[in-house]
Amino acid sequence: MKKFTKILISIICLLTGIIIGFLISPIKGGIGNNAGNTFNYYGDKKEGSENSEN
């Protein structure tokens, strides 16, 4: 096997693993941003939670 083929196969396997990892990873409750002095939550807001705006 040529050196180029080995490098190409390893790059394809790495990128495929990253994509599959993103697809099967559990993201429960949305994605939040907790950096800084604000709290932004981008998910389903449940009733009675502290960060719900009324």
Protein backbone atom coordinates (compact mmCIF):
# COMPACT_ATOMS: atom_id res chain seq x y z
CA MET A 1 0.00 0.00 0.00
CA LYS A 2 1.33 3.42 -0.88
CA LYS A 3 2.03 6.07 1.75
CA PHE A 4 -0.62 8.39 0.26
CA THR A 5 -3.27 5.66 0.51
CA LYS A 6 -2.46 5.01 4.18
CA ILE A 7 -2.73 8.71 5.03
CA LEU A 8 -5.98 9.07 3.06
CA ILE A 9 -7.60 6.06 4.76
CA SER A 10 -6.59 7.29 8.23
CA ILE A 11 -8.02 10.78 7.55
CA ILE A 12 -11.29 9.29 6.25
CA CYS A 13 -11.59 7.05 9.33
CA LEU A 14 -10.93 9.99 11.68
CA LEU A 15 -13.52 12.24 10.04
CA THR A 16 -16.08 9.42 9.87
CA GLY A 17 -15.60 8.77 13.60
CA ILE A 18 -16.10 12.44 14.40
CA ILE A 19 -19.30 12.62 12.34
CA ILE A 20 -20.71 9.42 13.85
CA GLY A 21 -19.82 10.69 17.32
CA PHE A 22 -21.78 13.89 16.75
CA LEU A 23 -24.78 11.96 15.44
CA ILE A 24 -25.03 9.49 18.33
CA SER A 25 -24.06 11.81 21.19
CA PRO A 26 -26.87 12.54 23.64
CA ILE A 27 -27.79 16.22 23.82
CA LYS A 28 -30.48 16.32 26.48
CA GLY A 29 -32.20 19.59 27.26
CA GLY A 30 -30.73 21.71 24.50
CA ILE A 31 -27.53 23.69 24.23
CA GLY A 32 -26.85 26.44 26.76
CA ASN A 33 -24.45 29.38 26.92
CA ASN A 34 -23.11 29.94 30.42
CA ALA A 35 -20.18 32.22 29.60
CA GLY A 36 -20.14 35.70 31.11
CA ASN A 37 -22.72 37.31 33.34
CA THR A 38 -25.79 36.25 31.37
CA PHE A 39 -27.57 32.94 31.09
CA ASN A 40 -28.98 32.05 27.67
CA TYR A 41 -30.71 28.70 27.37
CA TYR A 42 -31.65 27.38 23.95
CA GLY A 43 -33.81 24.40 24.80
CA ASP A 44 -37.26 23.48 25.95
CA LYS A 45 -38.18 25.59 28.96
CA LYS A 46 -40.07 23.68 31.62
CA GLU A 47 -42.77 25.33 33.67
CA GLY A 48 -41.65 26.41 37.10
CA SER A 49 -37.97 26.58 36.25
CA GLU A 50 -35.87 29.41 37.65
CA ASN A 51 -34.82 30.82 34.29
CA SER A 52 -38.29 31.10 32.72
CA GLU A 53 -39.40 34.61 31.92
CA ASN A 54 -42.94 35.55 32.98
